[in-house]
């Protein structure tokens, strides 16, 4: 199974989910993308964008500093079997109408404290763990 995690900027939530998913299972694979990957973020390393996100994941033994922010596009969606949507439901593009989509309600930690980033990380870790169990 190929899973796509989507958030707004592909800097925090979807990057964390992708990393946790790929760390927890070798049977399935995940990628991530953002609906609004800002030109300032697109193609940049997460380590160059957010110290809080990178540090919170390093606390879990996972280094995402070299991962790149990626823009959501139809070819990425077509590559995946399941989409996990972690941002505004109104931002779902029409080309995804035939995809299986799971919606997660996880707050965006952009501009918040390191402690809040850790709370978001922990919530995502739990959701990913349940998803990995459900997928077998």
N, C-alpha and C. Protein backbone atom coordinates (compact mmCIF):
# COMPACT_ATOMS: atom_id res chain seq x y z
N UNK A 1 0.85 -1.18 0.00
CA UNK A 1 0.00 0.00 0.00
C UNK A 1 0.89 1.24 0.00
N UNK A 2 0.53 2.19 -0.86
CA UNK A 2 1.23 3.47 -0.92
C UNK A 2 0.30 4.54 -0.36
N UNK A 3 0.79 5.25 0.67
CA UNK A 3 -0.01 6.25 1.37
C UNK A 3 0.58 7.63 1.13
N UNK A 4 -0.31 8.58 0.88
CA UNK A 4 0.07 9.98 0.70
C UNK A 4 -0.49 10.78 1.87
N UNK A 5 0.38 11.47 2.59
CA UNK A 5 -0.03 12.36 3.67
C UNK A 5 0.02 13.79 3.14
N UNK A 6 -1.08 14.53 3.33
CA UNK A 6 -1.18 15.88 2.80
C UNK A 6 -1.50 16.86 3.92
N UNK A 7 -0.72 17.94 3.99
CA UNK A 7 -1.06 19.07 4.86
C UNK A 7 -0.90 20.34 4.05
N UNK A 8 -0.93 21.47 4.68
CA UNK A 8 -0.92 22.73 3.95
C UNK A 8 0.42 23.00 3.27
N UNK A 9 1.51 23.03 4.03
CA UNK A 9 2.79 23.44 3.46
C UNK A 9 3.80 22.33 3.24
N UNK A 10 3.48 21.10 3.67
CA UNK A 10 4.41 19.98 3.61
C UNK A 10 5.72 20.30 4.31
N UNK A 11 5.57 20.92 5.46
CA UNK A 11 6.73 21.23 6.29
C UNK A 11 6.63 20.51 7.63
N UNK A 12 5.43 20.39 8.19
CA UNK A 12 5.27 19.83 9.52
C UNK A 12 4.48 18.55 9.57
N UNK A 13 3.15 18.66 9.63
CA UNK A 13 2.29 17.52 9.88
C UNK A 13 2.48 16.37 8.91
N UNK A 14 2.43 16.64 7.62
CA UNK A 14 2.55 15.55 6.63
C UNK A 14 3.95 14.97 6.61
N UNK A 15 4.96 15.79 6.85
CA UNK A 15 6.33 15.28 6.92
C UNK A 15 6.51 14.37 8.13
N UNK A 16 5.93 14.76 9.27
CA UNK A 16 5.99 13.92 10.47
C UNK A 16 5.29 12.59 10.22
N UNK A 17 4.09 12.65 9.63
CA UNK A 17 3.31 11.44 9.38
C UNK A 17 4.06 10.50 8.43
N UNK A 18 4.62 11.04 7.37
CA UNK A 18 5.40 10.23 6.43
C UNK A 18 6.56 9.54 7.14
N UNK A 19 7.28 10.30 7.95
CA UNK A 19 8.45 9.74 8.65
C UNK A 19 8.04 8.66 9.64
N UNK A 20 7.02 8.91 10.44
CA UNK A 20 6.56 7.90 11.39
C UNK A 20 6.07 6.64 10.67
N UNK A 21 5.31 6.83 9.60
CA UNK A 21 4.77 5.69 8.85
C UNK A 21 5.91 4.84 8.29
N UNK A 22 6.85 5.45 7.62
CA UNK A 22 7.95 4.69 7.02
C UNK A 22 8.87 4.07 8.07
N UNK A 23 8.93 4.68 9.25
CA UNK A 23 9.72 4.13 10.35
C UNK A 23 9.02 2.90 10.95
N UNK A 24 7.68 2.94 11.01
CA UNK A 24 6.93 1.88 11.68
C UNK A 24 6.63 0.67 10.80
N UNK A 25 6.72 0.81 9.49
CA UNK A 25 6.41 -0.32 8.62
C UNK A 25 7.35 -0.37 7.44
N UNK A 26 7.71 -1.57 7.06
CA UNK A 26 8.51 -1.77 5.85
C UNK A 26 7.65 -2.39 4.76
N UNK A 27 6.45 -2.84 5.14
CA UNK A 27 5.53 -3.48 4.20
C UNK A 27 4.86 -2.45 3.28
N UNK A 28 4.61 -1.26 3.81
CA UNK A 28 3.94 -0.19 3.07
C UNK A 28 4.90 0.99 2.94
N UNK A 29 4.57 1.94 2.07
CA UNK A 29 5.42 3.13 1.90
C UNK A 29 4.56 4.38 1.93
N UNK A 30 5.14 5.47 2.38
CA UNK A 30 4.43 6.74 2.42
C UNK A 30 5.27 7.83 1.77
N UNK A 31 4.55 8.79 1.22
CA UNK A 31 5.13 10.04 0.76
C UNK A 31 4.26 11.16 1.30
N UNK A 32 4.68 12.40 1.12
CA UNK A 32 3.88 13.51 1.60
C UNK A 32 3.95 14.67 0.62
N UNK A 33 2.98 15.58 0.75
CA UNK A 33 2.93 16.76 -0.10
C UNK A 33 2.09 17.81 0.58
N UNK A 34 2.16 19.03 0.06
CA UNK A 34 1.40 20.14 0.62
C UNK A 34 0.48 20.78 -0.40
N UNK A 35 -0.67 21.24 0.07
CA UNK A 35 -1.63 21.90 -0.83
C UNK A 35 -1.17 23.30 -1.21
N UNK A 36 -0.47 23.95 -0.30
CA UNK A 36 -0.02 25.32 -0.52
C UNK A 36 1.47 25.45 -0.29
N UNK A 37 2.26 24.50 -0.74
CA UNK A 37 3.71 24.62 -0.53
C UNK A 37 4.14 25.96 -1.11
N UNK A 38 4.42 26.86 -0.23
CA UNK A 38 4.77 28.22 -0.65
C UNK A 38 6.05 28.21 -1.48
N UNK A 39 6.14 29.13 -2.43
CA UNK A 39 7.37 29.19 -3.23
C UNK A 39 8.63 29.27 -2.36
N UNK A 40 8.48 29.88 -1.20
CA UNK A 40 9.64 29.99 -0.30
C UNK A 40 10.02 28.63 0.29
N UNK A 41 9.09 27.67 0.32
CA UNK A 41 9.35 26.35 0.88
C UNK A 41 9.65 25.30 -0.18
N UNK A 42 9.03 25.39 -1.33
CA UNK A 42 9.11 24.34 -2.35
C UNK A 42 10.54 23.94 -2.65
N UNK A 43 10.80 22.65 -2.48
CA UNK A 43 12.12 22.10 -2.77
C UNK A 43 13.17 22.38 -1.71
N UNK A 44 12.79 23.06 -0.64
CA UNK A 44 13.76 23.34 0.43
C UNK A 44 13.76 22.23 1.47
N UNK A 45 14.88 22.04 2.11
CA UNK A 45 15.00 21.05 3.18
C UNK A 45 14.24 21.53 4.42
N UNK A 46 13.57 20.58 5.08
CA UNK A 46 12.82 20.91 6.29
C UNK A 46 13.75 21.50 7.34
N UNK A 47 14.97 21.02 7.40
CA UNK A 47 15.94 21.55 8.35
C UNK A 47 16.28 23.01 8.14
N UNK A 48 16.07 23.51 6.92
CA UNK A 48 16.29 24.93 6.63
C UNK A 48 15.06 25.77 6.90
N UNK A 49 13.91 25.12 7.14
CA UNK A 49 12.65 25.84 7.32
C UNK A 49 12.23 25.91 8.78
N UNK A 50 12.33 24.78 9.52
CA UNK A 50 11.80 24.76 10.89
C UNK A 50 12.66 23.94 11.84
N UNK A 51 13.32 24.62 12.75
CA UNK A 51 14.09 23.94 13.79
C UNK A 51 13.19 23.16 14.73
N UNK A 52 12.00 23.70 15.04
CA UNK A 52 11.10 23.04 15.99
C UNK A 52 10.62 21.69 15.47
N UNK A 53 10.27 21.62 14.20
CA UNK A 53 9.80 20.36 13.63
C UNK A 53 10.92 19.34 13.62
N UNK A 54 12.08 19.75 13.15
CA UNK A 54 13.22 18.84 13.09
C UNK A 54 13.60 18.36 14.49
N UNK A 55 13.67 19.27 15.45
CA UNK A 55 14.05 18.90 16.82
C UNK A 55 13.03 17.98 17.47
N UNK A 56 11.74 18.26 17.25
CA UNK A 56 10.72 17.41 17.86
C UNK A 56 10.79 15.98 17.31
N UNK A 57 11.12 15.84 16.05
CA UNK A 57 11.25 14.50 15.46
C UNK A 57 12.56 13.83 15.91
N UNK A 58 13.62 14.60 16.05
CA UNK A 58 14.89 14.03 16.55
C UNK A 58 14.71 13.48 17.96
N UNK A 59 13.81 14.11 18.74
CA UNK A 59 13.50 13.59 20.08
C UNK A 59 12.93 12.17 20.00
N UNK A 60 12.35 11.82 18.86
CA UNK A 60 11.78 10.49 18.62
C UNK A 60 12.77 9.58 17.88
N UNK A 61 13.97 10.06 17.65
CA UNK A 61 14.99 9.26 16.97
C UNK A 61 14.86 9.26 15.45
N UNK A 62 14.13 10.23 14.90
CA UNK A 62 13.93 10.30 13.46
C UNK A 62 14.43 11.66 12.95
N UNK A 63 15.31 11.62 11.96
CA UNK A 63 15.88 12.84 11.39
C UNK A 63 15.20 13.15 10.06
N UNK A 64 14.44 14.24 10.02
CA UNK A 64 13.78 14.65 8.78
C UNK A 64 14.40 15.93 8.21
N UNK A 65 15.54 16.32 8.72
CA UNK A 65 16.13 17.61 8.33
C UNK A 65 16.44 17.71 6.84
N UNK A 66 16.74 16.59 6.18
CA UNK A 66 17.08 16.62 4.76
C UNK A 66 15.88 16.36 3.84
N UNK A 67 14.69 16.12 4.42
CA UNK A 67 13.50 15.92 3.59
C UNK A 67 13.12 17.23 2.92
N UNK A 68 12.58 17.14 1.71
CA UNK A 68 12.21 18.33 0.95
C UNK A 68 10.71 18.60 1.01
N UNK A 69 10.33 19.86 1.03
CA UNK A 69 8.93 20.25 0.94
C UNK A 69 8.48 20.06 -0.51
N UNK A 70 7.32 19.38 -0.67
CA UNK A 70 6.84 19.04 -2.01
C UNK A 70 5.40 19.54 -2.20
N UNK A 71 5.10 19.97 -3.40
CA UNK A 71 3.77 20.47 -3.76
C UNK A 71 2.87 19.30 -4.19
N UNK A 72 1.62 19.30 -3.73
CA UNK A 72 0.64 18.30 -4.15
C UNK A 72 0.34 18.49 -5.63
N UNK A 73 0.31 17.37 -6.37
CA UNK A 73 -0.06 17.41 -7.78
C UNK A 73 -0.76 16.10 -8.14
N UNK A 74 -1.45 16.10 -9.24
CA UNK A 74 -2.26 14.96 -9.63
C UNK A 74 -1.43 13.69 -9.81
N UNK A 75 -0.23 13.79 -10.36
CA UNK A 75 0.59 12.59 -10.57
C UNK A 75 0.98 11.93 -9.25
N UNK A 76 1.22 12.73 -8.22
CA UNK A 76 1.54 12.17 -6.90
C UNK A 76 0.33 11.45 -6.33
N UNK A 77 -0.84 12.05 -6.48
CA UNK A 77 -2.08 11.44 -5.99
C UNK A 77 -2.33 10.12 -6.71
N UNK A 78 -2.15 10.09 -8.03
CA UNK A 78 -2.39 8.88 -8.81
C UNK A 78 -1.45 7.74 -8.43
N UNK A 79 -0.29 8.06 -7.91
CA UNK A 79 0.70 7.07 -7.50
C UNK A 79 0.27 6.33 -6.23
N UNK A 80 -0.62 6.92 -5.43
CA UNK A 80 -0.95 6.39 -4.11
C UNK A 80 -2.29 5.66 -4.08
N UNK A 81 -2.39 4.73 -3.11
CA UNK A 81 -3.62 3.97 -2.90
C UNK A 81 -4.55 4.65 -1.90
N UNK A 82 -3.98 5.36 -0.95
CA UNK A 82 -4.74 5.99 0.13
C UNK A 82 -4.17 7.38 0.39
N UNK A 83 -5.06 8.35 0.61
CA UNK A 83 -4.65 9.70 0.95
C UNK A 83 -5.12 10.01 2.36
N UNK A 84 -4.21 10.52 3.18
CA UNK A 84 -4.55 10.98 4.52
C UNK A 84 -4.45 12.50 4.49
N UNK A 85 -5.59 13.15 4.67
CA UNK A 85 -5.72 14.60 4.54
C UNK A 85 -5.63 15.23 5.92
N UNK A 86 -4.63 16.08 6.15
CA UNK A 86 -4.38 16.66 7.47
C UNK A 86 -4.44 18.18 7.37
N UNK A 87 -5.37 18.68 6.60
CA UNK A 87 -5.54 20.13 6.44
C UNK A 87 -6.99 20.41 6.10
N UNK A 88 -7.29 21.62 5.75
CA UNK A 88 -8.64 22.07 5.46
C UNK A 88 -9.31 21.20 4.39
N UNK A 89 -10.47 20.64 4.72
CA UNK A 89 -11.20 19.78 3.77
C UNK A 89 -11.62 20.54 2.51
N UNK A 90 -11.77 21.83 2.62
CA UNK A 90 -12.15 22.63 1.46
C UNK A 90 -11.04 22.72 0.42
N UNK A 91 -9.84 22.32 0.78
CA UNK A 91 -8.70 22.42 -0.13
C UNK A 91 -8.49 21.15 -0.97
N UNK A 92 -9.39 20.18 -0.86
CA UNK A 92 -9.25 18.93 -1.63
C UNK A 92 -9.51 19.25 -3.11
N UNK A 93 -8.51 19.01 -3.97
CA UNK A 93 -8.70 19.29 -5.40
C UNK A 93 -9.67 18.32 -6.06
N UNK A 94 -10.32 18.75 -7.10
CA UNK A 94 -11.33 17.93 -7.78
C UNK A 94 -10.75 16.65 -8.35
N UNK A 95 -9.48 16.64 -8.73
CA UNK A 95 -8.89 15.42 -9.30
C UNK A 95 -8.76 14.29 -8.28
N UNK A 96 -9.08 14.55 -7.03
CA UNK A 96 -9.02 13.51 -6.00
C UNK A 96 -10.38 12.87 -5.73
N UNK A 97 -11.37 13.19 -6.51
CA UNK A 97 -12.74 12.74 -6.24
C UNK A 97 -12.90 11.22 -6.21
N UNK A 98 -12.04 10.49 -6.87
CA UNK A 98 -12.16 9.03 -6.89
C UNK A 98 -11.17 8.33 -5.96
N UNK A 99 -10.48 9.09 -5.14
CA UNK A 99 -9.50 8.52 -4.22
C UNK A 99 -10.12 8.25 -2.86
N UNK A 100 -9.60 7.22 -2.19
CA UNK A 100 -9.97 6.99 -0.80
C UNK A 100 -9.22 8.02 0.04
N UNK A 101 -9.97 8.81 0.80
CA UNK A 101 -9.36 9.85 1.63
C UNK A 101 -9.78 9.65 3.07
N UNK A 102 -8.80 9.67 3.96
CA UNK A 102 -9.03 9.64 5.40
C UNK A 102 -8.69 11.03 5.91
N UNK A 103 -9.58 11.59 6.72
CA UNK A 103 -9.36 12.94 7.24
C UNK A 103 -8.91 12.87 8.70
N UNK A 104 -7.80 13.55 8.99
CA UNK A 104 -7.30 13.67 10.36
C UNK A 104 -7.41 15.12 10.79
N UNK A 105 -7.90 15.32 12.00
CA UNK A 105 -8.01 16.66 12.56
C UNK A 105 -6.80 16.89 13.47
N UNK A 106 -5.78 17.53 12.90
CA UNK A 106 -4.56 17.82 13.63
C UNK A 106 -4.23 19.29 13.41
N UNK A 107 -4.06 20.02 14.49
CA UNK A 107 -3.78 21.46 14.41
C UNK A 107 -2.46 21.72 13.70
N UNK A 108 -2.40 22.85 13.02
CA UNK A 108 -1.16 23.31 12.38
C UNK A 108 -0.32 23.99 13.45
N UNK A 109 0.91 23.55 13.61
CA UNK A 109 1.78 24.09 14.66
C UNK A 109 2.61 25.28 14.21
N UNK A 110 2.45 25.71 12.97
CA UNK A 110 3.23 26.84 12.46
C UNK A 110 3.07 28.05 13.36
N UNK A 111 4.20 28.63 13.74
CA UNK A 111 4.19 29.83 14.56
C UNK A 111 3.90 29.62 16.03
N UNK A 112 3.91 28.35 16.48
CA UNK A 112 3.62 28.06 17.89
C UNK A 112 4.90 27.65 18.62
N UNK A 113 4.75 27.32 19.88
CA UNK A 113 5.88 26.95 20.73
C UNK A 113 6.41 25.55 20.40
N UNK A 114 7.60 25.29 20.85
CA UNK A 114 8.19 23.96 20.68
C UNK A 114 7.32 22.90 21.36
N UNK A 115 6.77 23.23 22.52
CA UNK A 115 5.92 22.30 23.25
C UNK A 115 4.68 21.93 22.44
N UNK A 116 4.12 22.91 21.74
CA UNK A 116 2.95 22.63 20.91
C UNK A 116 3.33 21.74 19.73
N UNK A 117 4.51 21.98 19.16
CA UNK A 117 5.01 21.11 18.08
C UNK A 117 5.09 19.66 18.58
N UNK A 118 5.54 19.48 19.80
CA UNK A 118 5.65 18.13 20.37
C UNK A 118 4.27 17.50 20.58
N UNK A 119 3.28 18.30 20.97
CA UNK A 119 1.92 17.77 21.12
C UNK A 119 1.37 17.33 19.77
N UNK A 120 1.60 18.13 18.74
CA UNK A 120 1.16 17.77 17.39
C UNK A 120 1.88 16.50 16.95
N UNK A 121 3.17 16.44 17.18
CA UNK A 121 3.97 15.25 16.83
C UNK A 121 3.40 14.01 17.51
N UNK A 122 3.10 14.10 18.79
CA UNK A 122 2.60 12.95 19.53
C UNK A 122 1.23 12.50 19.01
N UNK A 123 0.38 13.46 18.66
CA UNK A 123 -0.93 13.10 18.10
C UNK A 123 -0.75 12.38 16.77
N UNK A 124 0.12 12.90 15.91
CA UNK A 124 0.37 12.27 14.61
C UNK A 124 0.97 10.89 14.79
N UNK A 125 1.87 10.73 15.72
CA UNK A 125 2.48 9.43 15.97
C UNK A 125 1.41 8.41 16.33
N UNK A 126 0.48 8.78 17.19
CA UNK A 126 -0.59 7.88 17.58
C UNK A 126 -1.51 7.53 16.41
N UNK A 127 -1.87 8.52 15.61
CA UNK A 127 -2.71 8.27 14.45
C UNK A 127 -2.02 7.37 13.43
N UNK A 128 -0.74 7.60 13.23
CA UNK A 128 0.02 6.76 12.29
C UNK A 128 0.10 5.33 12.82
N UNK A 129 0.35 5.16 14.10
CA UNK A 129 0.42 3.83 14.69
C UNK A 129 -0.88 3.05 14.46
N UNK A 130 -2.01 3.72 14.64
CA UNK A 130 -3.31 3.07 14.40
C UNK A 130 -3.49 2.72 12.93
N UNK A 131 -3.06 3.61 12.05
CA UNK A 131 -3.17 3.35 10.62
C UNK A 131 -2.32 2.15 10.21
N UNK A 132 -1.10 2.09 10.71
CA UNK A 132 -0.21 0.95 10.40
C UNK A 132 -0.85 -0.35 10.88
N UNK A 133 -1.43 -0.35 12.07
CA UNK A 133 -2.10 -1.55 12.58
C UNK A 133 -3.30 -1.93 11.70
N UNK A 134 -4.08 -0.93 11.30
CA UNK A 134 -5.24 -1.19 10.46
C UNK A 134 -4.85 -1.76 9.10
N UNK A 135 -3.74 -1.33 8.56
CA UNK A 135 -3.28 -1.79 7.25
C UNK A 135 -2.62 -3.17 7.31
N UNK A 136 -2.21 -3.55 8.52
CA UNK A 136 -1.60 -4.88 8.71
C UNK A 136 -0.17 -4.97 8.27
